């Protein structure tokens, strides 16, 4: 009985996941259209100064690390507290 229940559960989960394909109007190109800019690769650091009130200024260190994932993709890691950073997505010529 336990084996039958496991198989039924596996079948149900498989059908559920099969019915949810990934689809996006913007795919990654299979052929590189623009080379990775090697000047960006590496670690970048800055001290961001933000006014916290009329007298004091708050300084936050921020570090951004660019690395090459493939010929088409970067890996980007951002460390630090950036309150002003908002999600931004721009697609051009797709």
Foldseek 3Di string as FASTA:
>chain_A
DVVVVVVVVVVVVVVVVVVDDDDDPDDQDPDDPDFDDPVQAAKDKDWDWDDPDDPDIDTKIKMWHWDDDDRRDIDIDIDIDDPPDDDDDDDPPD
